[in-house]
Amino acid sequence: MTVAEIGSLVSVCIAGLALLLNFTRERKGAVSESQAIRDKLDYISDTTRDTREDVRALDRKLDDHATRIGKVETKLDDHARRLDRLENKEL
């Protein structure tokens, strides 16, 4: 082997190592980017779950309030009838 051939072989080896290092760096960057995306998706998923639970709780409260309002309206009607009867008796 001549000096030129050895130099060429060393150059090819160095270029191969450089490509390999660059590939592993890009791969590590892609892995860390992928992990960041997964973390963000997990956060969005947790936030969505919490929001759904809050909406369900509000729905339950609305149902409870509707029931209570119905009872109050019924009592109000009863009291209004009683007042009408009392006023009619006094007249």
PDB file of N, CA and C in Angstrom:
ATOM      1  N   MET A   1       0.835  -1.190   0.000  1.00  0.00           N
ATOM      2  CA  MET A   1       0.000   0.000   0.000  1.00  0.00           C
ATOM      3  C   MET A   1       0.869   1.240   0.000  1.00  0.00           C
ATOM      4  N   THR A   2       0.435   2.156  -0.760  1.00  0.00           N
ATOM      5  CA  THR A   2       1.183   3.400  -0.860  1.00  0.00           C
ATOM      6  C   THR A   2       0.630   4.401   0.142  1.00  0.00           C
ATOM      7  N   VAL A   3       1.353   5.439   0.302  1.00  0.00           N
ATOM      8  CA  VAL A   3       0.954   6.503   1.230  1.00  0.00           C
ATOM      9  C   VAL A   3      -0.374   7.115   0.800  1.00  0.00           C
ATOM     10  N   ALA A   4      -0.593   7.232  -0.473  1.00  0.00           N
ATOM     11  CA  ALA A   4      -1.832   7.814  -0.983  1.00  0.00           C
ATOM     12  C   ALA A   4      -3.012   6.903  -0.661  1.00  0.00           C
ATOM     13  N   GLU A   5      -2.810   5.604  -0.790  1.00  0.00           N
ATOM     14  CA  GLU A   5      -3.880   4.663  -0.473  1.00  0.00           C
ATOM     15  C   GLU A   5      -4.196   4.678   1.012  1.00  0.00           C
ATOM     16  N   ILE A   6      -3.164   4.728   1.835  1.00  0.00           N
ATOM     17  CA  ILE A   6      -3.362   4.790   3.295  1.00  0.00           C
ATOM     18  C   ILE A   6      -4.075   6.081   3.669  1.00  0.00           C
ATOM     19  N   GLY A   7      -3.681   7.171   3.064  1.00  0.00           N
ATOM     20  CA  GLY A   7      -4.345   8.457   3.322  1.00  0.00           C
ATOM     21  C   GLY A   7      -5.811   8.420   2.915  1.00  0.00           C
ATOM     22  N   SER A   8      -6.081   7.794   1.782  1.00  0.00           N
ATOM     23  CA  SER A   8      -7.464   7.672   1.321  1.00  0.00           C
ATOM     24  C   SER A   8      -8.273   6.805   2.286  1.00  0.00           C
ATOM     25  N   LEU A   9      -7.693   5.713   2.740  1.00  0.00           N
ATOM     26  CA  LEU A   9      -8.366   4.816   3.667  1.00  0.00           C
ATOM     27  C   LEU A   9      -8.656   5.524   4.987  1.00  0.00           C
ATOM     28  N   VAL A  10      -7.697   6.270   5.499  1.00  0.00           N
ATOM     29  CA  VAL A  10      -7.889   7.029   6.736  1.00  0.00           C
ATOM     30  C   VAL A  10      -8.979   8.082   6.542  1.00  0.00           C
ATOM     31  N   SER A  11      -8.999   8.746   5.401  1.00  0.00           N
ATOM     32  CA  SER A  11     -10.012   9.760   5.116  1.00  0.00           C
ATOM     33  C   SER A  11     -11.403   9.144   5.077  1.00  0.00           C
ATOM     34  N   VAL A  12     -11.521   7.972   4.467  1.00  0.00           N
ATOM     35  CA  VAL A  12     -12.813   7.282   4.393  1.00  0.00           C
ATOM     36  C   VAL A  12     -13.266   6.879   5.796  1.00  0.00           C
ATOM     37  N   CYS A  13     -12.330   6.401   6.626  1.00  0.00           N
ATOM     38  CA  CYS A  13     -12.667   6.024   8.001  1.00  0.00           C
ATOM     39  C   CYS A  13     -13.130   7.227   8.801  1.00  0.00           C
ATOM     40  N   ILE A  14     -12.442   8.325   8.666  1.00  0.00           N
ATOM     41  CA  ILE A  14     -12.816   9.549   9.386  1.00  0.00           C
ATOM     42  C   ILE A  14     -14.186  10.035   8.919  1.00  0.00           C
ATOM     43  N   ALA A  15     -14.446  10.005   7.636  1.00  0.00           N
ATOM     44  CA  ALA A  15     -15.739  10.423   7.104  1.00  0.00           C
ATOM     45  C   ALA A  15     -16.848   9.507   7.621  1.00  0.00           C
ATOM     46  N   GLY A  16     -16.580   8.202   7.658  1.00  0.00           N
ATOM     47  CA  GLY A  16     -17.566   7.244   8.193  1.00  0.00           C
ATOM     48  C   GLY A  16     -17.856   7.502   9.654  1.00  0.00           C
ATOM     49  N   LEU A  17     -16.813   7.768  10.445  1.00  0.00           N
ATOM     50  CA  LEU A  17     -17.012   8.073  11.866  1.00  0.00           C
ATOM     51  C   LEU A  17     -17.800   9.372  12.053  1.00  0.00           C
ATOM     52  N   ALA A  18     -17.487  10.343  11.230  1.00  0.00           N
ATOM     53  CA  ALA A  18     -18.210  11.615  11.318  1.00  0.00           C
ATOM     54  C   ALA A  18     -19.691  11.415  11.000  1.00  0.00           C
ATOM     55  N   LEU A  19     -19.996  10.633   9.982  1.00  0.00           N
ATOM     56  CA  LEU A  19     -21.389  10.346   9.642  1.00  0.00           C
ATOM     57  C   LEU A  19     -22.092   9.581  10.758  1.00  0.00           C
ATOM     58  N   LEU A  20     -21.366   8.617  11.332  1.00  0.00           N
ATOM     59  CA  LEU A  20     -21.937   7.835  12.421  1.00  0.00           C
ATOM     60  C   LEU A  20     -22.244   8.710  13.634  1.00  0.00           C
ATOM     61  N   LEU A  21     -21.308   9.579  13.992  1.00  0.00           N
ATOM     62  CA  LEU A  21     -21.533  10.485  15.125  1.00  0.00           C
ATOM     63  C   LEU A  21     -22.696  11.438  14.851  1.00  0.00           C
ATOM     64  N   ASN A  22     -22.734  11.956  13.640  1.00  0.00           N
ATOM     65  CA  ASN A  22     -23.818  12.865  13.278  1.00  0.00           C
ATOM     66  C   ASN A  22     -25.163  12.142  13.343  1.00  0.00           C
ATOM     67  N   PHE A  23     -25.213  10.901  12.875  1.00  0.00           N
ATOM     68  CA  PHE A  23     -26.436  10.117  12.896  1.00  0.00           C
ATOM     69  C   PHE A  23     -26.906   9.873  14.333  1.00  0.00           C
ATOM     70  N   THR A  24     -25.963   9.519  15.231  1.00  0.00           N
ATOM     71  CA  THR A  24     -26.347   9.256  16.623  1.00  0.00           C
ATOM     72  C   THR A  24     -26.812  10.531  17.311  1.00  0.00           C
ATOM     73  N   ARG A  25     -26.202  11.677  16.989  1.00  0.00           N
ATOM     74  CA  ARG A  25     -26.645  12.953  17.571  1.00  0.00           C
ATOM     75  C   ARG A  25     -28.061  13.295  17.111  1.00  0.00           C
ATOM     76  N   GLU A  26     -28.307  13.102  15.801  1.00  0.00           N
ATOM     77  CA  GLU A  26     -29.643  13.378  15.277  1.00  0.00           C
ATOM     78  C   GLU A  26     -30.666  12.438  15.905  1.00  0.00           C
ATOM     79  N   ARG A  27     -30.254  11.212  16.100  1.00  0.00           N
ATOM     80  CA  ARG A  27     -31.160  10.229  16.698  1.00  0.00           C
ATOM     81  C   ARG A  27     -31.471  10.608  18.143  1.00  0.00           C
ATOM     82  N   LYS A  28     -30.464  11.020  18.890  1.00  0.00           N
ATOM     83  CA  LYS A  28     -30.686  11.458  20.269  1.00  0.00           C
ATOM     84  C   LYS A  28     -31.583  12.685  20.301  1.00  0.00           C
ATOM     85  N   GLY A  29     -31.369  13.611  19.370  1.00  0.00           N
ATOM     86  CA  GLY A  29     -32.212  14.801  19.287  1.00  0.00           C
ATOM     87  C   GLY A  29     -33.652  14.430  18.963  1.00  0.00           C
ATOM     88  N   ALA A  30     -33.831  13.464  18.072  1.00  0.00           N
ATOM     89  CA  ALA A  30     -35.178  13.020  17.715  1.00  0.00           C
ATOM     90  C   ALA A  30     -35.847  12.334  18.896  1.00  0.00           C
ATOM     91  N   VAL A  31     -35.074  11.573  19.655  1.00  0.00           N
ATOM     92  CA  VAL A  31     -35.616  10.897  20.830  1.00  0.00           C
ATOM     93  C   VAL A  31     -36.036  11.921  21.878  1.00  0.00           C
ATOM     94  N   SER A  32     -35.204  12.915  22.133  1.00  0.00           N
ATOM     95  CA  SER A  32     -35.557  13.922  23.130  1.00  0.00           C
ATOM     96  C   SER A  32     -36.742  14.756  22.657  1.00  0.00           C
ATOM     97  N   GLU A  33     -36.804  15.037  21.360  1.00  0.00           N
ATOM     98  CA  GLU A  33     -37.950  15.780  20.816  1.00  0.00           C
ATOM     99  C   GLU A  33     -39.227  14.944  20.931  1.00  0.00           C
ATOM    100  N   SER A  34     -39.107  13.665  20.656  1.00  0.00           N
ATOM    101  CA  SER A  34     -40.248  12.761  20.769  1.00  0.00           C
ATOM    102  C   SER A  34     -40.729  12.689  22.216  1.00  0.00           C
ATOM    103  N   GLN A  35     -39.802  12.658  23.160  1.00  0.00           N
ATOM    104  CA  GLN A  35     -40.158  12.617  24.572  1.00  0.00           C
ATOM    105  C   GLN A  35     -40.860  13.915  24.981  1.00  0.00           C
ATOM    106  N   ALA A  36     -40.377  15.036  24.484  1.00  0.00           N
ATOM    107  CA  ALA A  36     -41.014  16.320  24.787  1.00  0.00           C
ATOM    108  C   ALA A  36     -42.448  16.352  24.256  1.00  0.00           C
ATOM    109  N   ILE A  37     -42.636  15.814  23.066  1.00  0.00           N
ATOM    110  CA  ILE A  37     -43.990  15.763  22.494  1.00  0.00           C
ATOM    111  C   ILE A  37     -44.883  14.854  23.327  1.00  0.00           C
ATOM    112  N   ARG A  38     -44.350  13.703  23.756  1.00  0.00           N
ATOM    113  CA  ARG A  38     -45.134  12.793  24.610  1.00  0.00           C
ATOM    114  C   ARG A  38     -45.504  13.465  25.918  1.00  0.00           C
ATOM    115  N   ASP A  39     -44.570  14.218  26.508  1.00  0.00           N
ATOM    116  CA  ASP A  39     -44.860  14.922  27.755  1.00  0.00           C
ATOM    117  C   ASP A  39     -45.973  15.949  27.568  1.00  0.00           C
ATOM    118  N   LYS A  40     -45.918  16.677  26.461  1.00  0.00           N
ATOM    119  CA  LYS A  40     -46.956  17.668  26.183  1.00  0.00           C
ATOM    120  C   LYS A  40     -48.310  16.994  25.977  1.00  0.00           C
ATOM    121  N   LEU A  41     -48.317  15.875  25.273  1.00  0.00           N
ATOM    122  CA  LEU A  41     -49.570  15.152  25.059  1.00  0.00           C
ATOM    123  C   LEU A  41     -50.133  14.616  26.369  1.00  0.00           C
ATOM    124  N   ASP A  42     -49.253  14.145  27.243  1.00  0.00           N
ATOM    125  CA  ASP A  42     -49.702  13.684  28.562  1.00  0.00           C
ATOM    126  C   ASP A  42     -50.327  14.831  29.351  1.00  0.00           C
ATOM    127  N   TYR A  43     -49.706  15.999  29.292  1.00  0.00           N
ATOM    128  CA  TYR A  43     -50.237  17.164  29.994  1.00  0.00           C
ATOM    129  C   TYR A  43     -51.606  17.544  29.431  1.00  0.00           C
ATOM    130  N   ILE A  44     -51.729  17.533  28.107  1.00  0.00           N
ATOM    131  CA  ILE A  44     -53.018  17.863  27.485  1.00  0.00           C
ATOM    132  C   ILE A  44     -54.068  16.829  27.874  1.00  0.00           C
ATOM    133  N   SER A  45     -53.678  15.575  27.893  1.00  0.00           N
ATOM    134  CA  SER A  45     -54.601  14.508  28.279  1.00  0.00           C
ATOM    135  C   SER A  45     -55.071  14.682  29.717  1.00  0.00           C
ATOM    136  N   ASP A  46     -54.148  14.989  30.622  1.00  0.00           N
ATOM    137  CA  ASP A  46     -54.519  15.212  32.025  1.00  0.00           C
ATOM    138  C   ASP A  46     -55.446  16.410  32.158  1.00  0.00           C
ATOM    139  N   THR A  47     -55.145  17.482  31.451  1.00  0.00           N
ATOM    140  CA  THR A  47     -55.971  18.676  31.511  1.00  0.00           C
ATOM    141  C   THR A  47     -57.373  18.388  30.976  1.00  0.00           C
ATOM    142  N   THR A  48     -57.443  17.626  29.899  1.00  0.00           N
ATOM    143  CA  THR A  48     -58.742  17.262  29.317  1.00  0.00           C
ATOM    144  C   THR A  48     -59.543  16.414  30.295  1.00  0.00           C
ATOM    145  N   ARG A  49     -58.889  15.469  30.941  1.00  0.00           N
ATOM    146  CA  ARG A  49     -59.561  14.618  31.921  1.00  0.00           C
ATOM    147  C   ARG A  49     -60.096  15.458  33.082  1.00  0.00           C
ATOM    148  N   ASP A  50     -59.284  16.376  33.574  1.00  0.00           N
ATOM    149  CA  ASP A  50     -59.727  17.247  34.663  1.00  0.00           C
ATOM    150  C   ASP A  50     -60.910  18.108  34.235  1.00  0.00           C
ATOM    151  N   THR A  51     -60.859  18.613  33.019  1.00  0.00           N
ATOM    152  CA  THR A  51     -61.946  19.447  32.511  1.00  0.00           C
ATOM    153  C   THR A  51     -63.235  18.643  32.405  1.00  0.00           C
ATOM    154  N   ARG A  52     -63.137  17.420  31.925  1.00  0.00           N
ATOM    155  CA  ARG A  52     -64.330  16.558  31.836  1.00  0.00           C
ATOM    156  C   ARG A  52     -64.929  16.318  33.214  1.00  0.00           C
ATOM    157  N   GLU A  53     -64.076  16.049  34.198  1.00  0.00           N
ATOM    158  CA  GLU A  53     -64.575  15.826  35.554  1.00  0.00           C
ATOM    159  C   GLU A  53     -65.261  17.081  36.090  1.00  0.00           C
ATOM    160  N   ASP A  54     -64.695  18.247  35.809  1.00  0.00           N
ATOM    161  CA  ASP A  54     -65.307  19.498  36.250  1.00  0.00           C
ATOM    162  C   ASP A  54     -66.656  19.722  35.582  1.00  0.00           C
ATOM    163  N   VAL A  55     -66.739  19.403  34.297  1.00  0.00           N
ATOM    164  CA  VAL A  55     -68.009  19.570  33.574  1.00  0.00           C
ATOM    165  C   VAL A  55     -69.057  18.614  34.142  1.00  0.00           C
ATOM    166  N   ARG A  56     -68.669  17.396  34.443  1.00  0.00           N
ATOM    167  CA  ARG A  56     -69.624  16.439  35.036  1.00  0.00           C
ATOM    168  C   ARG A  56     -70.112  16.939  36.393  1.00  0.00           C
ATOM    169  N   ALA A  57     -69.200  17.479  37.188  1.00  0.00           N
ATOM    170  CA  ALA A  57     -69.591  18.013  38.494  1.00  0.00           C
ATOM    171  C   ALA A  57     -70.561  19.182  38.322  1.00  0.00           C
ATOM    172  N   LEU A  58     -70.292  20.047  37.353  1.00  0.00           N
ATOM    173  CA  LEU A  58     -71.203  21.167  37.102  1.00  0.00           C
ATOM    174  C   LEU A  58     -72.565  20.675  36.623  1.00  0.00           C
ATOM    175  N   ASP A  59     -72.586  19.644  35.807  1.00  0.00           N
ATOM    176  CA  ASP A  59     -73.862  19.068  35.363  1.00  0.00           C
ATOM    177  C   ASP A  59     -74.664  18.537  36.552  1.00  0.00           C
ATOM    178  N   ARG A  60     -73.978  17.862  37.464  1.00  0.00           N
ATOM    179  CA  ARG A  60     -74.661  17.365  38.663  1.00  0.00           C
ATOM    180  C   ARG A  60     -75.222  18.509  39.487  1.00  0.00           C
ATOM    181  N   LYS A  61     -74.436  19.578  39.633  1.00  0.00           N
ATOM    182  CA  LYS A  61     -74.907  20.732  40.397  1.00  0.00           C
ATOM    183  C   LYS A  61     -76.111  21.376  39.728  1.00  0.00           C
ATOM    184  N   LEU A  62     -76.072  21.481  38.399  1.00  0.00           N
ATOM    185  CA  LEU A  62     -77.207  22.050  37.667  1.00  0.00           C
ATOM    186  C   LEU A  62     -78.458  21.203  37.870  1.00  0.00           C
ATOM    187  N   ASP A  63     -78.303  19.897  37.834  1.00  0.00           N
ATOM    188  CA  ASP A  63     -79.444  19.017  38.066  1.00  0.00           C
ATOM    189  C   ASP A  63     -79.996  19.198  39.477  1.00  0.00           C
ATOM    190  N   ASP A  64     -79.094  19.286  40.459  1.00  0.00           N
ATOM    191  CA  ASP A  64     -79.525  19.514  41.839  1.00  0.00           C
ATOM    192  C   ASP A  64     -80.253  20.845  41.970  1.00  0.00           C
ATOM    193  N   HIS A  65     -79.719  21.882  41.335  1.00  0.00           N
ATOM    194  CA  HIS A  65     -80.357  23.195  41.409  1.00  0.00           C
ATOM    195  C   HIS A  65     -81.720  23.180  40.726  1.00  0.00           C
ATOM    196  N   ALA A  66     -81.823  22.484  39.615  1.00  0.00           N
ATOM    197  CA  ALA A  66     -83.110  22.400  38.926  1.00  0.00           C
ATOM    198  C   ALA A  66     -84.144  21.724  39.814  1.00  0.00           C
ATOM    199  N   THR A  67     -83.726  20.668  40.508  1.00  0.00           N
ATOM    200  CA  THR A  67     -84.636  19.981  41.423  1.00  0.00           C
ATOM    201  C   THR A  67     -85.061  20.902  42.558  1.00  0.00           C
ATOM    202  N   ARG A  68     -84.108  21.599  43.123  1.00  0.00           N
ATOM    203  CA  ARG A  68     -84.420  22.520  44.225  1.00  0.00           C
ATOM    204  C   ARG A  68     -85.321  23.648  43.765  1.00  0.00           C
ATOM    205  N   ILE A  69     -85.058  24.184  42.586  1.00  0.00           N
ATOM    206  CA  ILE A  69     -85.891  25.271  42.051  1.00  0.00           C
ATOM    207  C   ILE A  69     -87.314  24.769  41.841  1.00  0.00           C
ATOM    208  N   GLY A  70     -87.457  23.550  41.346  1.00  0.00           N
ATOM    209  CA  GLY A  70     -88.785  22.969  41.175  1.00  0.00           C
ATOM    210  C   GLY A  70     -89.526  22.860  42.485  1.00  0.00           C
ATOM    211  N   LYS A  71     -88.827  22.422  43.533  1.00  0.00           N
ATOM    212  CA  LYS A  71     -89.450  22.316  44.857  1.00  0.00           C
ATOM    213  C   LYS A  71     -89.850  23.685  45.385  1.00  0.00           C
ATOM    214  N   VAL A  72     -88.990  24.665  45.205  1.00  0.00           N
ATOM    215  CA  VAL A  72     -89.284  26.022  45.682  1.00  0.00           C
ATOM    216  C   VAL A  72     -90.483  26.591  44.924  1.00  0.00           C
ATOM    217  N   GLU A  73     -90.550  26.359  43.615  1.00  0.00           N
ATOM    218  CA  GLU A  73     -91.692  26.850  42.836  1.00  0.00           C
ATOM    219  C   GLU A  73     -92.985  26.197  43.304  1.00  0.00           C
ATOM    220  N   THR A  74     -92.929  24.913  43.613  1.00  0.00           N
ATOM    221  CA  THR A  74     -94.114  24.218  44.114  1.00  0.00           C
ATOM    222  C   THR A  74     -94.549  24.803  45.450  1.00  0.00           C
ATOM    223  N   LYS A  75     -93.602  25.005  46.333  1.00  0.00           N
ATOM    224  CA  LYS A  75     -93.936  25.597  47.635  1.00  0.00           C
ATOM    225  C   LYS A  75     -94.485  27.008  47.477  1.00  0.00           C
ATOM    226  N   LEU A  76     -93.916  27.763  46.557  1.00  0.00           N
ATOM    227  CA  LEU A  76     -94.386  29.123  46.303  1.00  0.00           C
ATOM    228  C   LEU A  76     -95.826  29.102  45.805  1.00  0.00           C
ATOM    229  N   ASP A  77     -96.145  28.196  44.909  1.00  0.00           N
ATOM    230  CA  ASP A  77     -97.522  28.064  44.427  1.00  0.00           C
ATOM    231  C   ASP A  77     -98.468  27.698  45.569  1.00  0.00           C
ATOM    232  N   ASP A  78     -98.041  26.754  46.425  1.00  0.00           N
ATOM    233  CA  ASP A  78     -98.868  26.363  47.569  1.00  0.00           C
ATOM    234  C   ASP A  78     -99.128  27.552  48.488  1.00  0.00           C
ATOM    235  N   HIS A  79     -98.089  28.307  48.768  1.00  0.00           N
ATOM    236  CA  HIS A  79     -98.239  29.467  49.654  1.00  0.00           C
ATOM    237  C   HIS A  79     -99.111  30.544  49.007  1.00  0.00           C
ATOM    238  N   ALA A  80     -98.975  30.714  47.711  1.00  0.00           N
ATOM    239  CA  ALA A  80     -99.810  31.701  47.020  1.00  0.00           C
ATOM    240  C   ALA A  80    -101.271  31.285  47.104  1.00  0.00           C
ATOM    241  N   ARG A  81    -101.571  30.020  46.928  1.00  0.00           N
ATOM    242  CA  ARG A  81    -102.960  29.533  47.050  1.00  0.00           C
ATOM    243  C   ARG A  81    -103.477  29.734  48.460  1.00  0.00           C
ATOM    244  N   ARG A  82    -102.638  29.442  49.446  1.00  0.00           N
ATOM    245  CA  ARG A  82    -103.058  29.632  50.849  1.00  0.00           C
ATOM    246  C   ARG A  82    -103.374  31.097  51.124  1.00  0.00           C
ATOM    247  N   LEU A  83    -102.508  31.981  50.628  1.00  0.00           N
ATOM    248  CA  LEU A  83    -102.754  33.415  50.820  1.00  0.00           C
ATOM    249  C   LEU A  83    -104.061  33.836  50.143  1.00  0.00           C
ATOM    250  N   ASP A  84    -104.306  33.332  48.955  1.00  0.00           N
ATOM    251  CA  ASP A  84    -105.548  33.658  48.257  1.00  0.00           C
ATOM    252  C   ASP A  84    -106.754  33.184  49.064  1.00  0.00           C
ATOM    253  N   ARG A  85    -106.662  31.969  49.616  1.00  0.00           N
ATOM    254  CA  ARG A  85    -107.770  31.454  50.426  1.00  0.00           C
ATOM    255  C   ARG A  85    -107.977  32.298  51.672  1.00  0.00           C
ATOM    256  N   LEU A  86    -106.885  32.682  52.318  1.00  0.00           N
ATOM    257  CA  LEU A  86    -106.995  33.510  53.526  1.00  0.00           C
ATOM    258  C   LEU A  86    -107.591  34.883  53.187  1.00  0.00           C
ATOM    259  N   GLU A  87    -107.162  35.451  52.094  1.00  0.00           N
ATOM    260  CA  GLU A  87    -107.696  36.758  51.704  1.00  0.00           C
ATOM    261  C   GLU A  87    -109.166  36.653  51.344  1.00  0.00           C
ATOM    262  N   ASN A  88    -109.565  35.570  50.713  1.00  0.00           N
ATOM    263  CA  ASN A  88    -110.971  35.373  50.385  1.00  0.00           C
ATOM    264  C   ASN A  88    -111.833  35.171  51.617  1.00  0.00           C
ATOM    265  N   LYS A  89    -111.285  34.506  52.629  1.00  0.00           N
ATOM    266  CA  LYS A  89    -112.022  34.290  53.887  1.00  0.00           C
ATOM    267  C   LYS A  89    -112.226  35.612  54.615  1.00  0.00           C
ATOM    268  N   GLU A  90    -111.218  36.463  54.580  1.00  0.00           N
ATOM    269  CA  GLU A  90    -111.310  37.744  55.294  1.00  0.00           C
ATOM    270  C   GLU A  90    -112.291  38.684  54.624  1.00  0.00           C
ATOM    271  N   LEU A  91    -112.480  38.568  53.359  1.00  0.00           N
ATOM    272  CA  LEU A  91    -113.392  39.456  52.651  1.00  0.00           C
ATOM    273  C   LEU A  91    -114.769  39.022  52.899  1.00  0.00           C
TER     274      LEU A  91
END
